[in-house]
């Protein structure tokens, strides 16, 4: 009997991503991210998927410039307003939002110390 394509798989996908609104700001954010290594942008009728392998950085000043605005226009609040959902660990910094596929990779940014696994 063949394995089910719907069986559980607990291994890491090594992916992270966001869903942006398909409006002027979301489209421009997606366009900025399109050229970045390991990033895939998928436009859909009412949203835009931006997915990446391992990590992606949304640089606020780079996005502000692409929007034709002064540095500082695009920030964490603007990002949250344009985004409808995400997967992976999200870290907001003053100048960027960073998405991580694996929580371990974000540990230094969030002050999280991973304890060693104890086998019994």
C-alpha atoms as a PDB file:
ATOM      1  CA  UNK A   1       0.000   0.000   0.000  1.00  0.00           C
ATOM      2  CA  UNK A   2       1.362   3.450  -0.944  1.00  0.00           C
ATOM      3  CA  UNK A   3       2.080   6.099   1.689  1.00  0.00           C
ATOM      4  CA  UNK A   4      -0.537   8.798   2.004  1.00  0.00           C
ATOM      5  CA  UNK A   5       0.487  12.214   0.587  1.00  0.00           C
ATOM      6  CA  UNK A   6      -1.280  13.705   3.637  1.00  0.00           C
ATOM      7  CA  UNK A   7       0.764  11.989   6.337  1.00  0.00           C
ATOM      8  CA  UNK A   8       2.361  14.118   9.066  1.00  0.00           C
ATOM      9  CA  UNK A   9       5.921  15.277   8.550  1.00  0.00           C
ATOM     10  CA  UNK A  10       7.585  16.885  11.578  1.00  0.00           C
ATOM     11  CA  UNK A  11      10.820  17.843   9.822  1.00  0.00           C
ATOM     12  CA  UNK A  12      11.595  21.519   9.267  1.00  0.00           C
ATOM     13  CA  UNK A  13      10.669  22.958   5.878  1.00  0.00           C
ATOM     14  CA  UNK A  14      13.441  25.558   6.287  1.00  0.00           C
ATOM     15  CA  UNK A  15      10.969  28.094   4.881  1.00  0.00           C
ATOM     16  CA  UNK A  16       9.437  31.314   6.180  1.00  0.00           C
ATOM     17  CA  UNK A  17       7.045  33.740   4.593  1.00  0.00           C
ATOM     18  CA  UNK A  18       4.381  36.399   4.673  1.00  0.00           C
ATOM     19  CA  UNK A  19       1.125  37.102   2.908  1.00  0.00           C
ATOM     20  CA  UNK A  20       0.774  40.737   1.841  1.00  0.00           C
ATOM     21  CA  UNK A  21      -2.327  42.599   0.769  1.00  0.00           C
ATOM     22  CA  UNK A  22      -2.452  43.039  -2.991  1.00  0.00           C
ATOM     23  CA  UNK A  23      -2.533  46.833  -2.872  1.00  0.00           C
ATOM     24  CA  UNK A  24      -0.046  49.575  -3.781  1.00  0.00           C
ATOM     25  CA  UNK A  25       2.164  49.118  -0.718  1.00  0.00           C
ATOM     26  CA  UNK A  26       2.008  45.308  -0.672  1.00  0.00           C
ATOM     27  CA  UNK A  27       2.858  45.148  -4.383  1.00  0.00           C
ATOM     28  CA  UNK A  28       5.860  47.430  -3.900  1.00  0.00           C
ATOM     29  CA  UNK A  29       7.129  45.475  -0.880  1.00  0.00           C
ATOM     30  CA  UNK A  30       6.850  42.278  -2.941  1.00  0.00           C
ATOM     31  CA  UNK A  31       8.717  43.909  -5.820  1.00  0.00           C
ATOM     32  CA  UNK A  32      11.593  44.897  -3.505  1.00  0.00           C
ATOM     33  CA  UNK A  33      11.782  41.339  -2.174  1.00  0.00           C
ATOM     34  CA  UNK A  34      11.529  39.698  -5.617  1.00  0.00           C
ATOM     35  CA  UNK A  35      15.219  40.119  -6.450  1.00  0.00           C
ATOM     36  CA  UNK A  36      16.583  38.792  -3.168  1.00  0.00           C
ATOM     37  CA  UNK A  37      18.375  35.459  -3.004  1.00  0.00           C
ATOM     38  CA  UNK A  38      16.201  32.542  -1.916  1.00  0.00           C
ATOM     39  CA  UNK A  39      12.973  34.595  -2.079  1.00  0.00           C
ATOM     40  CA  UNK A  40       9.954  33.580  -4.154  1.00  0.00           C
ATOM     41  CA  UNK A  41       7.120  36.029  -4.846  1.00  0.00           C
ATOM     42  CA  UNK A  42       3.754  34.618  -5.914  1.00  0.00           C
ATOM     43  CA  UNK A  43       1.069  37.154  -6.905  1.00  0.00           C
ATOM     44  CA  UNK A  44      -2.478  35.917  -6.341  1.00  0.00           C
ATOM     45  CA  UNK A  45      -5.777  37.721  -7.050  1.00  0.00           C
ATOM     46  CA  UNK A  46      -6.281  39.160  -3.555  1.00  0.00           C
ATOM     47  CA  UNK A  47      -2.880  38.671  -1.912  1.00  0.00           C
ATOM     48  CA  UNK A  48       0.828  38.288  -2.585  1.00  0.00           C
ATOM     49  CA  UNK A  49       2.867  35.444  -1.095  1.00  0.00           C
ATOM     50  CA  UNK A  50       6.511  36.164  -0.259  1.00  0.00           C
ATOM     51  CA  UNK A  51       8.371  33.014   0.808  1.00  0.00           C
ATOM     52  CA  UNK A  52      12.050  32.436   1.521  1.00  0.00           C
ATOM     53  CA  UNK A  53      14.513  29.731   2.338  1.00  0.00           C
ATOM     54  CA  UNK A  54      15.875  30.078   5.892  1.00  0.00           C
ATOM     55  CA  UNK A  55      15.697  33.894   6.341  1.00  0.00           C
ATOM     56  CA  UNK A  56      14.583  37.138   4.726  1.00  0.00           C
ATOM     57  CA  UNK A  57      15.017  40.770   5.729  1.00  0.00           C
ATOM     58  CA  UNK A  58      12.505  43.517   4.943  1.00  0.00           C
ATOM     59  CA  UNK A  59      14.718  46.641   4.990  1.00  0.00           C
ATOM     60  CA  UNK A  60      12.466  49.592   5.844  1.00  0.00           C
ATOM     61  CA  UNK A  61      14.529  52.315   4.133  1.00  0.00           C
ATOM     62  CA  UNK A  62      14.857  50.225   0.969  1.00  0.00           C
ATOM     63  CA  UNK A  63      11.082  49.807   0.896  1.00  0.00           C
ATOM     64  CA  UNK A  64      10.474  53.509   1.714  1.00  0.00           C
ATOM     65  CA  UNK A  65      12.676  54.475  -1.242  1.00  0.00           C
ATOM     66  CA  UNK A  66      10.838  52.078  -3.577  1.00  0.00           C
ATOM     67  CA  UNK A  67       7.564  53.676  -2.448  1.00  0.00           C
ATOM     68  CA  UNK A  68       8.951  57.125  -3.321  1.00  0.00           C
ATOM     69  CA  UNK A  69       8.900  58.159   0.335  1.00  0.00           C
ATOM     70  CA  UNK A  70      11.472  59.580   2.744  1.00  0.00           C
ATOM     71  CA  UNK A  71      13.546  57.173   4.870  1.00  0.00           C
ATOM     72  CA  UNK A  72      11.561  56.206   7.947  1.00  0.00           C
ATOM     73  CA  UNK A  73       8.157  56.208   6.205  1.00  0.00           C
ATOM     74  CA  UNK A  74       7.941  52.417   6.085  1.00  0.00           C
ATOM     75  CA  UNK A  75       8.256  50.886   9.541  1.00  0.00           C
ATOM     76  CA  UNK A  76       7.027  47.936  11.610  1.00  0.00           C
ATOM     77  CA  UNK A  77       3.531  49.443  11.853  1.00  0.00           C
ATOM     78  CA  UNK A  78       3.291  49.859   8.060  1.00  0.00           C
ATOM     79  CA  UNK A  79       4.607  46.331   7.619  1.00  0.00           C
ATOM     80  CA  UNK A  80       2.025  44.877  10.018  1.00  0.00           C
ATOM     81  CA  UNK A  81      -0.747  46.802   8.248  1.00  0.00           C
ATOM     82  CA  UNK A  82       0.253  45.419   4.836  1.00  0.00           C
ATOM     83  CA  UNK A  83       0.740  41.846   6.046  1.00  0.00           C
ATOM     84  CA  UNK A  84      -2.178  39.545   6.746  1.00  0.00           C
ATOM     85  CA  UNK A  85      -0.322  36.464   7.997  1.00  0.00           C
ATOM     86  CA  UNK A  86       3.118  34.935   8.319  1.00  0.00           C
ATOM     87  CA  UNK A  87       4.896  31.713   9.168  1.00  0.00           C
ATOM     88  CA  UNK A  88       8.281  31.374  10.800  1.00  0.00           C
ATOM     89  CA  UNK A  89       9.722  33.512  13.587  1.00  0.00           C
ATOM     90  CA  UNK A  90       9.267  37.260  13.022  1.00  0.00           C
ATOM     91  CA  UNK A  91      11.609  39.778  14.645  1.00  0.00           C
ATOM     92  CA  UNK A  92      10.980  43.539  14.352  1.00  0.00           C
ATOM     93  CA  UNK A  93      14.031  45.761  14.684  1.00  0.00           C
ATOM     94  CA  UNK A  94      14.213  49.551  14.337  1.00  0.00           C
ATOM     95  CA  UNK A  95      15.312  49.384  10.696  1.00  0.00           C
ATOM     96  CA  UNK A  96      13.928  46.051   9.467  1.00  0.00           C
ATOM     97  CA  UNK A  97      11.729  43.027   9.997  1.00  0.00           C
ATOM     98  CA  UNK A  98      13.514  39.694   9.829  1.00  0.00           C
ATOM     99  CA  UNK A  99      11.757  36.404   9.154  1.00  0.00           C
ATOM    100  CA  UNK A 100      13.441  33.161  10.244  1.00  0.00           C
ATOM    101  CA  UNK A 101      12.433  29.659   9.210  1.00  0.00           C
ATOM    102  CA  UNK A 102      13.749  28.119  12.425  1.00  0.00           C
ATOM    103  CA  UNK A 103      13.336  29.566  15.933  1.00  0.00           C
ATOM    104  CA  UNK A 104      16.914  28.567  16.769  1.00  0.00           C
ATOM    105  CA  UNK A 105      18.180  31.047  14.161  1.00  0.00           C
ATOM    106  CA  UNK A 106      16.258  33.875  15.837  1.00  0.00           C
ATOM    107  CA  UNK A 107      17.469  33.011  19.356  1.00  0.00           C
ATOM    108  CA  UNK A 108      20.144  35.745  19.521  1.00  0.00           C
ATOM    109  CA  UNK A 109      17.625  38.418  18.444  1.00  0.00           C
ATOM    110  CA  UNK A 110      14.973  37.500  20.998  1.00  0.00           C
ATOM    111  CA  UNK A 111      17.197  36.624  23.949  1.00  0.00           C
ATOM    112  CA  UNK A 112      16.144  32.999  23.849  1.00  0.00           C
ATOM    113  CA  UNK A 113      18.664  30.434  25.043  1.00  0.00           C
ATOM    114  CA  UNK A 114      17.930  26.957  23.808  1.00  0.00           C
ATOM    115  CA  UNK A 115      18.534  24.315  26.458  1.00  0.00           C
ATOM    116  CA  UNK A 116      20.374  21.161  25.501  1.00  0.00           C
ATOM    117  CA  UNK A 117      18.110  18.209  24.826  1.00  0.00           C
ATOM    118  CA  UNK A 118      18.076  15.667  27.618  1.00  0.00           C
ATOM    119  CA  UNK A 119      17.733  12.057  26.592  1.00  0.00           C
ATOM    120  CA  UNK A 120      16.344   9.549  29.060  1.00  0.00           C
END
